[in-house]
Amino acid sequence: MKPERKKKLPNKKIITSAKFEAKEQFTKSALENLKTENKRLFNSLKESGEIEELN
């Protein structure tokens, strides 16, 4: 009777690296979305006269 083979799991460093990259990508995406939303809100407030841009 042959001993049952264990499934080889991925290297822990690879898993950690992939998780880090996913978090970093999410963070960059979230930051870009916030920047875009901030610009949109700022422009909307300027157009409505709520705020004035200082030069």
C-alpha atoms as a PDB file:
ATOM      1  CA  MET A   1       0.000   0.000   0.000  1.00  0.00           C
ATOM      2  CA  LYS A   2       1.422   3.362  -1.040  1.00  0.00           C
ATOM      3  CA  PRO A   3       1.498   6.185   1.497  1.00  0.00           C
ATOM      4  CA  GLU A   4      -0.940   8.968   0.635  1.00  0.00           C
ATOM      5  CA  ARG A   5       0.759  11.964  -0.946  1.00  0.00           C
ATOM      6  CA  LYS A   6       0.269  15.264   0.774  1.00  0.00           C
ATOM      7  CA  LYS A   7      -0.746  18.172  -1.375  1.00  0.00           C
ATOM      8  CA  LYS A   8       2.117  20.576  -1.719  1.00  0.00           C
ATOM      9  CA  LEU A   9       1.065  23.963  -0.443  1.00  0.00           C
ATOM     10  CA  PRO A  10       2.386  27.183  -1.994  1.00  0.00           C
ATOM     11  CA  ASN A  11       5.331  28.823  -0.343  1.00  0.00           C
ATOM     12  CA  LYS A  12       4.244  31.070   2.545  1.00  0.00           C
ATOM     13  CA  LYS A  13       6.310  33.966   1.147  1.00  0.00           C
ATOM     14  CA  ILE A  14       4.444  33.760  -2.147  1.00  0.00           C
ATOM     15  CA  ILE A  15       1.076  33.847  -0.379  1.00  0.00           C
ATOM     16  CA  THR A  16       2.107  36.806   1.773  1.00  0.00           C
ATOM     17  CA  SER A  17       3.495  38.636  -1.271  1.00  0.00           C
ATOM     18  CA  ALA A  18       0.275  38.109  -3.233  1.00  0.00           C
ATOM     19  CA  LYS A  19      -1.823  39.369  -0.320  1.00  0.00           C
ATOM     20  CA  PHE A  20       0.412  42.438   0.023  1.00  0.00           C
ATOM     21  CA  GLU A  21       0.172  43.189  -3.697  1.00  0.00           C
ATOM     22  CA  ALA A  22      -3.610  42.834  -3.615  1.00  0.00           C
ATOM     23  CA  LYS A  23      -3.849  45.207  -0.641  1.00  0.00           C
ATOM     24  CA  GLU A  24      -1.491  47.675  -2.300  1.00  0.00           C
ATOM     25  CA  GLN A  25      -3.493  47.576  -5.542  1.00  0.00           C
ATOM     26  CA  PHE A  26      -6.735  48.103  -3.610  1.00  0.00           C
ATOM     27  CA  THR A  27      -5.189  51.013  -1.695  1.00  0.00           C
ATOM     28  CA  LYS A  28      -3.966  52.688  -4.891  1.00  0.00           C
ATOM     29  CA  SER A  29      -7.362  52.222  -6.512  1.00  0.00           C
ATOM     30  CA  ALA A  30      -9.165  53.614  -3.459  1.00  0.00           C
ATOM     31  CA  LEU A  31      -6.818  56.608  -3.365  1.00  0.00           C
ATOM     32  CA  GLU A  32      -7.424  57.370  -7.039  1.00  0.00           C
ATOM     33  CA  ASN A  33     -11.185  57.139  -6.487  1.00  0.00           C
ATOM     34  CA  LEU A  34     -10.962  59.527  -3.530  1.00  0.00           C
ATOM     35  CA  LYS A  35      -8.894  62.018  -5.536  1.00  0.00           C
ATOM     36  CA  THR A  36     -11.397  61.924  -8.385  1.00  0.00           C
ATOM     37  CA  GLU A  37     -14.341  62.340  -6.019  1.00  0.00           C
ATOM     38  CA  ASN A  38     -12.585  65.215  -4.229  1.00  0.00           C
ATOM     39  CA  LYS A  39     -11.997  67.054  -7.524  1.00  0.00           C
ATOM     40  CA  ARG A  40     -15.606  66.502  -8.563  1.00  0.00           C
ATOM     41  CA  LEU A  41     -16.952  67.841  -5.260  1.00  0.00           C
ATOM     42  CA  PHE A  42     -14.566  70.811  -5.292  1.00  0.00           C
ATOM     43  CA  ASN A  43     -15.591  71.747  -8.838  1.00  0.00           C
ATOM     44  CA  SER A  44     -19.261  71.390  -7.941  1.00  0.00           C
ATOM     45  CA  LEU A  45     -18.850  73.705  -4.938  1.00  0.00           C
ATOM     46  CA  LYS A  46     -16.937  76.239  -7.057  1.00  0.00           C
ATOM     47  CA  GLU A  47     -19.651  76.251  -9.721  1.00  0.00           C
ATOM     48  CA  SER A  48     -22.407  76.744  -7.152  1.00  0.00           C
ATOM     49  CA  GLY A  49     -20.535  79.664  -5.572  1.00  0.00           C
ATOM     50  CA  GLU A  50     -20.177  77.958  -2.203  1.00  0.00           C
ATOM     51  CA  ILE A  51     -16.404  78.425  -2.274  1.00  0.00           C
ATOM     52  CA  GLU A  52     -14.037  80.698  -4.131  1.00  0.00           C
ATOM     53  CA  GLU A  53     -10.666  79.587  -5.410  1.00  0.00           C
ATOM     54  CA  LEU A  54      -7.755  81.573  -3.977  1.00  0.00           C
ATOM     55  CA  ASN A  55      -4.872  82.424  -6.310  1.00  0.00           C
END
